[in-house]
């Protein structure tokens, strides 16, 4: 039996909503690992080996064993539902590459700020960046082996975050953990967007 035009339209798969999410944070905090853990495509990575020339400007305190760094971005994709696809853009963590953030942030729905409790101050710049630009964000604490664990409320207070900014603990190596973080940031950004669209009460 031949389908009519209306039946073919109904049978056609729903075009998914595509959203852009940034993954930011300090040098060596696990951004590349997070994108790679959850991406359903081979992630695009722009990692280069650290060199002697970069030693005066690259701060390796706490990540002395790190041998490579992201110099442009990481890129990956994950399908959350049949009708929702997230495109992930990992920002470079070193200060000398921060000029790229403005380009990467264009069109972003929201952002994940990845944090390490051993070097919590390294995520201050990312928090400040998204606060200044009004981009909805959440903080995901990457639970490194051997690092002290703190309640989300303690992290929120230490970073002086607004009460509505979500804080979650995660393992950037594990797909399910990262997926939970991404769902949380989308939900948070949607709530912020709905709030901004509400008419002002005169």
N, C-alpha and C. Protein backbone atom coordinates (compact mmCIF):
# COMPACT_ATOMS: atom_id res chain seq x y z
N UNK A 1 0.86 -1.20 0.00
CA UNK A 1 0.00 0.00 0.00
C UNK A 1 0.89 1.24 0.00
N UNK A 2 0.62 2.20 -0.89
CA UNK A 2 1.42 3.42 -0.95
C UNK A 2 0.96 4.40 0.12
N UNK A 3 1.94 5.08 0.73
CA UNK A 3 1.62 6.10 1.72
C UNK A 3 1.30 7.41 1.02
N UNK A 4 0.33 8.14 1.56
CA UNK A 4 0.08 9.49 1.09
C UNK A 4 1.11 10.44 1.67
N UNK A 5 1.08 11.70 1.20
CA UNK A 5 2.06 12.67 1.64
C UNK A 5 2.00 12.92 3.15
N UNK A 6 0.78 13.03 3.69
CA UNK A 6 0.64 13.30 5.13
C UNK A 6 1.15 12.13 5.96
N UNK A 7 0.91 10.89 5.48
CA UNK A 7 1.40 9.73 6.21
C UNK A 7 2.93 9.68 6.21
N UNK A 8 3.52 10.04 5.07
CA UNK A 8 4.99 10.04 4.99
C UNK A 8 5.57 11.07 5.95
N UNK A 9 4.90 12.21 6.05
CA UNK A 9 5.39 13.24 6.97
C UNK A 9 5.36 12.74 8.40
N UNK A 10 4.27 12.05 8.76
CA UNK A 10 4.16 11.54 10.12
C UNK A 10 5.17 10.44 10.40
N UNK A 11 5.48 9.64 9.36
CA UNK A 11 6.41 8.53 9.54
C UNK A 11 7.86 9.01 9.63
N UNK A 12 8.12 10.19 9.09
CA UNK A 12 9.49 10.70 9.07
C UNK A 12 9.97 10.93 10.51
N UNK A 13 11.23 10.62 10.77
CA UNK A 13 11.79 10.80 12.11
C UNK A 13 11.77 12.28 12.49
N UNK A 14 11.57 12.52 13.78
CA UNK A 14 11.56 13.89 14.30
C UNK A 14 12.97 14.45 14.24
N UNK A 15 13.11 15.65 13.68
CA UNK A 15 14.41 16.30 13.68
C UNK A 15 14.79 16.66 15.11
N UNK A 16 15.94 16.19 15.57
CA UNK A 16 16.31 16.47 16.96
C UNK A 16 16.69 17.94 17.18
N UNK A 17 16.46 18.40 18.40
CA UNK A 17 16.91 19.72 18.81
C UNK A 17 18.40 19.61 19.14
N UNK A 18 19.21 20.47 18.54
CA UNK A 18 20.65 20.46 18.76
C UNK A 18 21.04 21.63 19.64
N UNK A 19 21.73 21.33 20.72
CA UNK A 19 22.14 22.36 21.69
C UNK A 19 23.64 22.34 21.89
N UNK A 20 24.20 23.51 22.11
CA UNK A 20 25.65 23.65 22.30
C UNK A 20 25.95 23.86 23.78
N UNK A 21 26.84 23.03 24.31
CA UNK A 21 27.24 23.12 25.72
C UNK A 21 28.75 23.28 25.79
N UNK A 22 29.21 24.24 26.59
CA UNK A 22 30.65 24.41 26.81
C UNK A 22 31.09 23.62 28.03
N UNK A 23 32.32 23.15 27.99
CA UNK A 23 32.95 22.50 29.14
C UNK A 23 34.22 23.29 29.43
N UNK A 24 34.24 23.97 30.57
CA UNK A 24 35.35 24.87 30.89
C UNK A 24 35.93 24.49 32.26
N UNK A 25 37.02 25.17 32.60
CA UNK A 25 37.66 24.91 33.87
C UNK A 25 39.16 25.08 33.75
N UNK A 26 39.86 24.82 34.83
CA UNK A 26 41.30 25.03 34.86
C UNK A 26 42.08 24.01 34.07
N UNK A 27 43.38 24.26 33.97
CA UNK A 27 44.31 23.39 33.27
C UNK A 27 44.40 22.04 33.97
N UNK A 28 44.22 20.94 33.21
CA UNK A 28 44.38 19.61 33.77
C UNK A 28 43.25 19.12 34.65
N UNK A 29 42.07 19.75 34.54
CA UNK A 29 40.97 19.39 35.43
C UNK A 29 40.14 18.22 34.90
N UNK A 30 40.34 17.86 33.62
CA UNK A 30 39.63 16.72 33.08
C UNK A 30 38.64 17.01 31.97
N UNK A 31 38.74 18.17 31.33
CA UNK A 31 37.78 18.54 30.29
C UNK A 31 37.85 17.60 29.09
N UNK A 32 39.06 17.33 28.62
CA UNK A 32 39.23 16.44 27.48
C UNK A 32 38.72 15.03 27.82
N UNK A 33 39.01 14.58 29.03
CA UNK A 33 38.54 13.27 29.48
C UNK A 33 37.02 13.22 29.50
N UNK A 34 36.38 14.28 30.01
CA UNK A 34 34.92 14.33 30.09
C UNK A 34 34.29 14.24 28.71
N UNK A 35 34.77 15.04 27.77
CA UNK A 35 34.19 15.02 26.42
C UNK A 35 34.39 13.65 25.79
N UNK A 36 35.58 13.08 25.95
CA UNK A 36 35.87 11.78 25.36
C UNK A 36 35.06 10.65 25.98
N UNK A 37 34.75 10.76 27.26
CA UNK A 37 34.03 9.69 27.95
C UNK A 37 32.61 9.54 27.46
N UNK A 38 32.01 10.62 27.00
CA UNK A 38 30.57 10.59 26.69
C UNK A 38 30.26 10.72 25.21
N UNK A 39 31.25 11.13 24.42
CA UNK A 39 30.97 11.40 23.00
C UNK A 39 30.69 10.10 22.23
N UNK A 40 29.64 10.14 21.41
CA UNK A 40 29.27 8.99 20.60
C UNK A 40 30.00 8.98 19.26
N UNK A 41 30.72 10.04 18.97
CA UNK A 41 31.60 10.09 17.80
C UNK A 41 33.03 10.17 18.31
N UNK A 42 33.97 9.90 17.44
CA UNK A 42 35.36 10.07 17.84
C UNK A 42 35.60 11.55 18.12
N UNK A 43 35.95 11.90 19.37
CA UNK A 43 36.06 13.32 19.68
C UNK A 43 37.20 14.00 18.95
N UNK A 44 36.96 15.24 18.57
CA UNK A 44 38.02 16.07 18.00
C UNK A 44 38.84 16.62 19.14
N UNK A 45 40.14 16.41 19.09
CA UNK A 45 41.03 16.92 20.14
C UNK A 45 42.13 17.74 19.51
N UNK A 46 42.51 18.82 20.17
CA UNK A 46 43.59 19.67 19.67
C UNK A 46 44.69 19.73 20.72
N UNK A 47 45.13 18.55 21.15
CA UNK A 47 46.16 18.49 22.19
C UNK A 47 47.55 18.53 21.58
N UNK A 48 48.43 19.23 22.26
CA UNK A 48 49.83 19.29 21.87
C UNK A 48 50.68 19.00 23.11
N UNK A 49 51.90 18.53 22.86
CA UNK A 49 52.79 18.25 23.98
C UNK A 49 53.28 19.55 24.61
N UNK A 50 53.36 19.54 25.93
CA UNK A 50 53.95 20.68 26.63
C UNK A 50 55.43 20.76 26.30
N UNK A 51 55.93 21.98 26.18
CA UNK A 51 57.33 22.17 25.81
C UNK A 51 58.06 23.00 26.86
N UNK A 52 59.36 23.00 26.76
CA UNK A 52 60.17 23.80 27.67
C UNK A 52 59.85 25.28 27.51
N UNK A 53 59.53 25.69 26.27
CA UNK A 53 59.24 27.11 26.02
C UNK A 53 58.01 27.58 26.79
N UNK A 54 57.08 26.64 27.08
CA UNK A 54 55.86 27.03 27.77
C UNK A 54 55.98 27.02 29.28
N UNK A 55 57.09 26.53 29.82
CA UNK A 55 57.22 26.41 31.28
C UNK A 55 57.03 27.73 32.03
N UNK A 56 57.55 28.86 31.53
CA UNK A 56 57.36 30.11 32.27
C UNK A 56 55.91 30.57 32.39
N UNK A 57 55.04 30.12 31.48
CA UNK A 57 53.65 30.61 31.50
C UNK A 57 52.63 29.54 31.86
N UNK A 58 53.03 28.27 31.81
CA UNK A 58 52.11 27.18 32.15
C UNK A 58 52.29 26.80 33.61
N UNK A 59 51.21 26.87 34.38
CA UNK A 59 51.27 26.56 35.80
C UNK A 59 50.93 25.08 36.00
N UNK A 60 51.93 24.30 36.38
CA UNK A 60 51.77 22.85 36.49
C UNK A 60 51.62 22.38 37.93
N UNK A 61 51.42 23.31 38.87
CA UNK A 61 51.24 22.91 40.26
C UNK A 61 50.03 21.99 40.38
N UNK A 62 50.27 20.80 40.93
CA UNK A 62 49.19 19.84 41.10
C UNK A 62 48.96 18.94 39.92
N UNK A 63 49.54 19.27 38.76
CA UNK A 63 49.41 18.43 37.56
C UNK A 63 50.79 18.23 36.93
N UNK A 64 51.76 17.98 37.77
CA UNK A 64 53.14 17.86 37.30
C UNK A 64 53.32 16.73 36.29
N UNK A 65 52.48 15.70 36.36
CA UNK A 65 52.60 14.57 35.44
C UNK A 65 51.95 14.80 34.08
N UNK A 66 51.30 15.94 33.89
CA UNK A 66 50.59 16.19 32.63
C UNK A 66 51.59 16.48 31.52
N UNK A 67 51.40 15.86 30.36
CA UNK A 67 52.34 16.00 29.25
C UNK A 67 51.76 16.72 28.04
N UNK A 68 50.42 16.84 27.97
CA UNK A 68 49.80 17.48 26.83
C UNK A 68 48.81 18.54 27.31
N UNK A 69 48.41 19.42 26.40
CA UNK A 69 47.42 20.44 26.72
C UNK A 69 46.57 20.74 25.50
N UNK A 70 45.31 21.12 25.74
CA UNK A 70 44.40 21.51 24.66
C UNK A 70 44.74 22.94 24.24
N UNK A 71 44.97 23.14 22.95
CA UNK A 71 45.38 24.46 22.47
C UNK A 71 44.27 25.17 21.69
N UNK A 72 43.17 24.52 21.40
CA UNK A 72 42.04 25.17 20.72
C UNK A 72 40.73 24.75 21.37
N UNK A 73 40.36 23.48 21.20
CA UNK A 73 39.12 23.01 21.80
C UNK A 73 39.05 21.49 21.72
N UNK A 74 38.15 20.92 22.49
CA UNK A 74 37.71 19.54 22.31
C UNK A 74 36.29 19.61 21.77
N UNK A 75 35.92 18.62 20.98
CA UNK A 75 34.57 18.61 20.42
C UNK A 75 34.02 17.20 20.43
N UNK A 76 32.77 17.05 20.90
CA UNK A 76 32.11 15.76 20.89
C UNK A 76 30.61 15.93 20.77
N UNK A 77 29.91 14.81 20.64
CA UNK A 77 28.46 14.84 20.49
C UNK A 77 27.84 13.69 21.26
N UNK A 78 26.70 13.97 21.90
CA UNK A 78 25.97 12.91 22.58
C UNK A 78 24.48 13.10 22.34
N UNK A 79 23.78 12.02 22.05
CA UNK A 79 22.34 12.03 21.90
C UNK A 79 21.72 11.69 23.25
N UNK A 80 21.06 12.65 23.86
CA UNK A 80 20.43 12.45 25.16
C UNK A 80 19.11 11.70 25.01
N UNK A 81 18.31 12.14 24.03
CA UNK A 81 17.06 11.47 23.66
C UNK A 81 16.97 11.51 22.14
N UNK A 82 15.98 10.83 21.62
CA UNK A 82 15.78 10.84 20.17
C UNK A 82 15.63 12.25 19.62
N UNK A 83 15.08 13.14 20.45
CA UNK A 83 14.82 14.50 20.00
C UNK A 83 15.77 15.54 20.59
N UNK A 84 16.89 15.08 21.19
CA UNK A 84 17.81 16.04 21.83
C UNK A 84 19.25 15.59 21.66
N UNK A 85 20.03 16.40 20.96
CA UNK A 85 21.45 16.13 20.73
C UNK A 85 22.26 17.29 21.31
N UNK A 86 23.31 16.96 22.06
CA UNK A 86 24.20 17.97 22.61
C UNK A 86 25.53 17.95 21.88
N UNK A 87 25.99 19.13 21.52
CA UNK A 87 27.32 19.30 20.95
C UNK A 87 28.20 19.92 22.03
N UNK A 88 29.27 19.23 22.35
CA UNK A 88 30.12 19.63 23.46
C UNK A 88 31.40 20.29 22.96
N UNK A 89 31.70 21.45 23.52
CA UNK A 89 32.90 22.18 23.16
C UNK A 89 33.73 22.39 24.43
N UNK A 90 34.87 21.72 24.51
CA UNK A 90 35.75 21.89 25.65
C UNK A 90 36.72 23.03 25.41
N UNK A 91 36.79 23.96 26.34
CA UNK A 91 37.64 25.13 26.18
C UNK A 91 39.07 24.82 26.65
N UNK A 92 40.06 25.51 26.11
CA UNK A 92 41.41 25.36 26.64
C UNK A 92 41.50 25.93 28.05
N UNK A 93 42.29 25.31 28.91
CA UNK A 93 42.33 25.73 30.30
C UNK A 93 43.40 26.74 30.63
N UNK A 94 44.41 26.86 29.77
CA UNK A 94 45.51 27.76 30.09
C UNK A 94 45.18 29.20 29.75
N UNK A 95 45.67 30.11 30.56
CA UNK A 95 45.33 31.52 30.42
C UNK A 95 45.70 32.07 29.06
N UNK A 96 46.80 31.61 28.49
CA UNK A 96 47.24 32.16 27.20
C UNK A 96 46.32 31.80 26.05
N UNK A 97 45.37 30.86 26.26
CA UNK A 97 44.41 30.49 25.21
C UNK A 97 43.00 31.00 25.50
N UNK A 98 42.83 31.82 26.53
CA UNK A 98 41.49 32.28 26.89
C UNK A 98 40.83 33.14 25.82
N UNK A 99 41.64 33.72 24.93
CA UNK A 99 41.05 34.55 23.88
C UNK A 99 40.10 33.76 22.98
N UNK A 100 40.22 32.43 22.99
CA UNK A 100 39.35 31.59 22.18
C UNK A 100 37.96 31.42 22.78
N UNK A 101 37.81 31.72 24.07
CA UNK A 101 36.55 31.45 24.74
C UNK A 101 35.38 32.20 24.13
N UNK A 102 35.59 33.45 23.73
CA UNK A 102 34.48 34.24 23.17
C UNK A 102 33.91 33.58 21.93
N UNK A 103 34.76 33.06 21.05
CA UNK A 103 34.29 32.38 19.84
C UNK A 103 33.55 31.10 20.20
N UNK A 104 34.10 30.33 21.13
CA UNK A 104 33.48 29.06 21.50
C UNK A 104 32.13 29.28 22.19
N UNK A 105 31.98 30.40 22.89
CA UNK A 105 30.76 30.65 23.66
C UNK A 105 29.58 31.09 22.80
N UNK A 106 29.83 31.49 21.55
CA UNK A 106 28.74 31.96 20.69
C UNK A 106 27.69 30.88 20.51
N UNK A 107 26.45 31.21 20.84
CA UNK A 107 25.35 30.29 20.64
C UNK A 107 25.22 29.19 21.67
N UNK A 108 26.00 29.25 22.72
CA UNK A 108 25.95 28.19 23.74
C UNK A 108 24.71 28.34 24.61
N UNK A 109 24.03 27.21 24.85
CA UNK A 109 22.89 27.22 25.77
C UNK A 109 23.35 27.36 27.21
N UNK A 110 24.44 26.69 27.54
CA UNK A 110 24.93 26.71 28.91
C UNK A 110 26.33 26.13 28.97
N UNK A 111 26.86 26.02 30.19
CA UNK A 111 28.23 25.58 30.37
C UNK A 111 28.38 24.75 31.63
N UNK A 112 29.32 23.83 31.57
CA UNK A 112 29.75 23.06 32.73
C UNK A 112 31.13 23.58 33.13
N UNK A 113 31.27 24.02 34.37
CA UNK A 113 32.58 24.39 34.89
C UNK A 113 33.09 23.20 35.69
N UNK A 114 34.15 22.58 35.19
CA UNK A 114 34.72 21.42 35.85
C UNK A 114 35.73 21.89 36.89
N UNK A 115 35.66 21.31 38.09
CA UNK A 115 36.49 21.75 39.20
C UNK A 115 37.22 20.58 39.83
N UNK A 116 38.36 20.88 40.43
CA UNK A 116 39.17 19.91 41.18
C UNK A 116 39.35 20.49 42.58
N UNK A 117 38.93 19.75 43.61
CA UNK A 117 38.98 20.29 44.98
C UNK A 117 40.41 20.57 45.44
N UNK A 118 41.40 19.95 44.81
CA UNK A 118 42.79 20.20 45.19
C UNK A 118 43.30 21.53 44.65
N UNK A 119 42.60 22.05 43.62
CA UNK A 119 43.00 23.32 42.99
C UNK A 119 41.73 24.10 42.63
N UNK A 120 40.90 24.32 43.63
CA UNK A 120 39.58 24.91 43.38
C UNK A 120 39.70 26.30 42.76
N UNK A 121 40.75 27.02 43.12
CA UNK A 121 40.91 28.38 42.60
C UNK A 121 41.09 28.40 41.08
N UNK A 122 41.46 27.28 40.48
CA UNK A 122 41.68 27.25 39.04
C UNK A 122 40.39 27.42 38.23
N UNK A 123 39.24 27.22 38.87
CA UNK A 123 37.99 27.39 38.12
C UNK A 123 37.36 28.77 38.33
N UNK A 124 38.02 29.64 39.13
CA UNK A 124 37.47 30.99 39.37
C UNK A 124 37.26 31.74 38.06
N UNK A 125 38.26 31.66 37.16
CA UNK A 125 38.17 32.43 35.91
C UNK A 125 36.96 32.01 35.08
N UNK A 126 36.69 30.70 35.02
CA UNK A 126 35.54 30.22 34.25
C UNK A 126 34.23 30.67 34.88
N UNK A 127 34.13 30.58 36.20
CA UNK A 127 32.93 31.03 36.90
C UNK A 127 32.69 32.52 36.62
N UNK A 128 33.75 33.33 36.75
CA UNK A 128 33.62 34.77 36.49
C UNK A 128 33.20 35.04 35.05
N UNK A 129 33.77 34.29 34.12
CA UNK A 129 33.47 34.49 32.69
C UNK A 129 31.98 34.29 32.42
N UNK A 130 31.43 33.20 32.88
CA UNK A 130 30.03 32.90 32.59
C UNK A 130 29.08 33.80 33.38
N UNK A 131 29.46 34.19 34.58
CA UNK A 131 28.64 35.14 35.34
C UNK A 131 28.56 36.48 34.62
N UNK A 132 29.70 36.97 34.14
CA UNK A 132 29.73 38.28 33.46
C UNK A 132 28.92 38.27 32.17
N UNK A 133 28.91 37.16 31.47
CA UNK A 133 28.22 37.09 30.18
C UNK A 133 26.80 36.58 30.28
N UNK A 134 26.37 36.24 31.48
CA UNK A 134 25.00 35.79 31.67
C UNK A 134 24.71 34.44 31.04
N UNK A 135 25.73 33.60 30.88
CA UNK A 135 25.54 32.25 30.33
C UNK A 135 25.25 31.30 31.48
N UNK A 136 24.12 30.61 31.47
CA UNK A 136 23.81 29.68 32.56
C UNK A 136 24.89 28.60 32.67
N UNK A 137 25.31 28.32 33.90
CA UNK A 137 26.34 27.31 34.09
C UNK A 137 26.11 26.56 35.39
N UNK A 138 26.76 25.42 35.49
CA UNK A 138 26.78 24.66 36.73
C UNK A 138 28.21 24.24 36.99
N UNK A 139 28.50 23.84 38.20
CA UNK A 139 29.83 23.37 38.57
C UNK A 139 29.78 21.87 38.79
N UNK A 140 30.66 21.15 38.12
CA UNK A 140 30.80 19.70 38.29
C UNK A 140 32.17 19.44 38.90
N UNK A 141 32.20 18.86 40.08
CA UNK A 141 33.46 18.58 40.77
C UNK A 141 33.95 17.20 40.33
N UNK A 142 35.08 17.18 39.64
CA UNK A 142 35.67 15.93 39.17
C UNK A 142 36.35 15.24 40.35
N UNK A 143 35.86 14.09 40.75
CA UNK A 143 36.36 13.41 41.95
C UNK A 143 37.59 12.56 41.60
N UNK A 144 38.75 13.20 41.64
CA UNK A 144 39.99 12.51 41.35
C UNK A 144 40.30 11.50 42.46
N UNK A 145 40.96 10.42 42.09
CA UNK A 145 41.40 9.44 43.08
C UNK A 145 42.34 10.11 44.08
N UNK A 146 42.06 9.93 45.37
CA UNK A 146 42.91 10.49 46.40
C UNK A 146 42.59 11.91 46.81
N UNK A 147 41.69 12.58 46.06
CA UNK A 147 41.32 13.95 46.41
C UNK A 147 40.26 13.94 47.51
N UNK A 148 40.30 14.94 48.37
CA UNK A 148 39.30 15.07 49.42
C UNK A 148 37.92 15.31 48.81
N UNK A 149 36.90 14.72 49.40
CA UNK A 149 35.52 14.90 48.95
C UNK A 149 34.81 15.86 49.88
N UNK A 150 34.07 16.78 49.32
CA UNK A 150 33.32 17.76 50.10
C UNK A 150 31.87 17.78 49.62
N UNK A 151 30.93 18.10 50.50
CA UNK A 151 29.53 18.23 50.07
C UNK A 151 29.39 19.35 49.05
N UNK A 152 28.38 19.23 48.18
CA UNK A 152 28.14 20.24 47.16
C UNK A 152 27.94 21.62 47.79
N UNK A 153 27.29 21.67 48.95
CA UNK A 153 27.05 22.96 49.62
C UNK A 153 28.35 23.64 50.00
N UNK A 154 29.35 22.86 50.41
CA UNK A 154 30.65 23.42 50.79
C UNK A 154 31.35 24.00 49.58
N UNK A 155 31.28 23.31 48.44
CA UNK A 155 31.89 23.81 47.20
C UNK A 155 31.19 25.10 46.76
N UNK A 156 29.88 25.11 46.85
CA UNK A 156 29.11 26.30 46.45
C UNK A 156 29.51 27.51 47.28
N UNK A 157 29.69 27.29 48.57
CA UNK A 157 30.08 28.39 49.46
C UNK A 157 31.51 28.83 49.17
N UNK A 158 32.41 27.88 48.93
CA UNK A 158 33.81 28.22 48.66
C UNK A 158 33.97 29.03 47.38
N UNK A 159 33.12 28.77 46.40
CA UNK A 159 33.17 29.48 45.13
C UNK A 159 32.29 30.73 45.13
N UNK A 160 31.57 30.98 46.24
CA UNK A 160 30.69 32.14 46.36
C UNK A 160 29.68 32.19 45.20
N UNK A 161 29.05 31.04 44.95
CA UNK A 161 28.08 30.94 43.86
C UNK A 161 26.70 31.40 44.31
N UNK A 162 25.89 31.86 43.36
CA UNK A 162 24.49 32.13 43.65
C UNK A 162 23.82 30.82 44.06
N UNK A 163 22.83 30.89 44.95
CA UNK A 163 22.20 29.66 45.44
C UNK A 163 21.58 28.79 44.36
N UNK A 164 21.19 29.38 43.22
CA UNK A 164 20.53 28.58 42.18
C UNK A 164 21.51 27.93 41.20
N UNK A 165 22.82 28.13 41.40
CA UNK A 165 23.81 27.49 40.52
C UNK A 165 24.04 26.06 41.02
N UNK A 166 23.70 25.06 40.22
CA UNK A 166 23.85 23.67 40.67
C UNK A 166 25.32 23.28 40.82
N UNK A 167 25.59 22.44 41.81
CA UNK A 167 26.91 21.85 42.01
C UNK A 167 26.71 20.34 42.12
N UNK A 168 27.49 19.58 41.34
CA UNK A 168 27.39 18.12 41.37
C UNK A 168 28.78 17.51 41.47
N UNK A 169 28.86 16.35 42.10
CA UNK A 169 30.09 15.57 42.08
C UNK A 169 30.01 14.62 40.89
N UNK A 170 31.15 14.39 40.23
CA UNK A 170 31.13 13.51 39.06
C UNK A 170 32.48 12.83 38.90
N UNK A 171 32.50 11.86 38.01
CA UNK A 171 33.74 11.20 37.59
C UNK A 171 33.82 11.39 36.09
N UNK A 172 34.73 12.25 35.64
CA UNK A 172 34.82 12.60 34.22
C UNK A 172 35.22 11.43 33.33
N UNK A 173 35.60 10.31 33.94
CA UNK A 173 35.98 9.12 33.16
C UNK A 173 34.79 8.24 32.83
N UNK A 174 33.66 8.47 33.52
CA UNK A 174 32.53 7.55 33.41
C UNK A 174 31.37 8.19 32.65
N UNK A 175 30.91 7.47 31.62
CA UNK A 175 29.88 8.01 30.73
C UNK A 175 28.60 8.36 31.48
N UNK A 176 28.12 7.48 32.33
CA UNK A 176 26.86 7.73 33.03
C UNK A 176 26.95 8.95 33.93
N UNK A 177 28.09 9.12 34.60
CA UNK A 177 28.29 10.26 35.48
C UNK A 177 28.28 11.56 34.68
N UNK A 178 28.98 11.56 33.56
CA UNK A 178 29.04 12.75 32.71
C UNK A 178 27.66 13.05 32.12
N UNK A 179 26.95 12.01 31.70
CA UNK A 179 25.61 12.20 31.13
C UNK A 179 24.68 12.87 32.14
N UNK A 180 24.77 12.47 33.40
CA UNK A 180 23.95 13.10 34.44
C UNK A 180 24.26 14.59 34.56
N UNK A 181 25.54 14.92 34.47
CA UNK A 181 25.94 16.33 34.54
C UNK A 181 25.36 17.11 33.37
N UNK A 182 25.45 16.55 32.18
CA UNK A 182 24.96 17.25 30.99
C UNK A 182 23.44 17.45 31.03
N UNK A 183 22.72 16.45 31.50
CA UNK A 183 21.28 16.60 31.65
C UNK A 183 20.97 17.71 32.65
N UNK A 184 21.74 17.76 33.73
CA UNK A 184 21.52 18.78 34.77
C UNK A 184 21.77 20.18 34.23
N UNK A 185 22.81 20.37 33.43
CA UNK A 185 23.09 21.72 32.92
C UNK A 185 22.04 22.15 31.90
N UNK A 186 21.54 21.21 31.08
CA UNK A 186 20.47 21.55 30.14
C UNK A 186 19.21 21.97 30.90
N UNK A 187 18.84 21.20 31.91
CA UNK A 187 17.65 21.53 32.70
C UNK A 187 17.81 22.89 33.38
N UNK A 188 18.99 23.14 33.92
CA UNK A 188 19.26 24.42 34.59
C UNK A 188 19.15 25.58 33.59
N UNK A 189 19.77 25.41 32.42
CA UNK A 189 19.73 26.48 31.41
C UNK A 189 18.31 26.72 30.92
N UNK A 190 17.52 25.67 30.78
CA UNK A 190 16.13 25.83 30.36
C UNK A 190 15.32 26.60 31.41
N UNK A 191 15.57 26.30 32.69
CA UNK A 191 14.87 27.04 33.75
C UNK A 191 15.25 28.52 33.72
N UNK A 192 16.54 28.79 33.55
CA UNK A 192 16.99 30.19 33.48
C UNK A 192 16.35 30.89 32.29
N UNK A 193 16.33 30.20 31.14
CA UNK A 193 15.73 30.79 29.94
C UNK A 193 14.26 31.08 30.12
N UNK A 194 13.52 30.16 30.74
CA UNK A 194 12.09 30.38 30.97
C UNK A 194 11.87 31.55 31.92
N UNK A 195 12.73 31.66 32.92
CA UNK A 195 12.61 32.75 33.88
C UNK A 195 12.84 34.10 33.20
N UNK A 196 13.80 34.14 32.29
CA UNK A 196 14.11 35.39 31.59
C UNK A 196 13.00 35.80 30.64
N UNK A 197 12.24 34.81 30.16
CA UNK A 197 11.13 35.12 29.24
C UNK A 197 9.85 35.53 29.95
N UNK A 198 9.82 35.34 31.26
CA UNK A 198 8.62 35.70 32.00
C UNK A 198 8.42 37.22 31.96
N UNK A 199 7.20 37.67 31.70
CA UNK A 199 6.96 39.13 31.67
C UNK A 199 7.15 39.76 33.03
N UNK A 200 7.74 40.92 33.03
CA UNK A 200 7.97 41.64 34.27
C UNK A 200 6.65 42.09 34.86
N UNK A 201 6.52 42.02 36.18
CA UNK A 201 5.31 42.46 36.87
C UNK A 201 5.46 43.93 37.20
N UNK A 202 4.56 44.74 36.64
CA UNK A 202 4.66 46.19 36.88
C UNK A 202 3.94 46.58 38.13
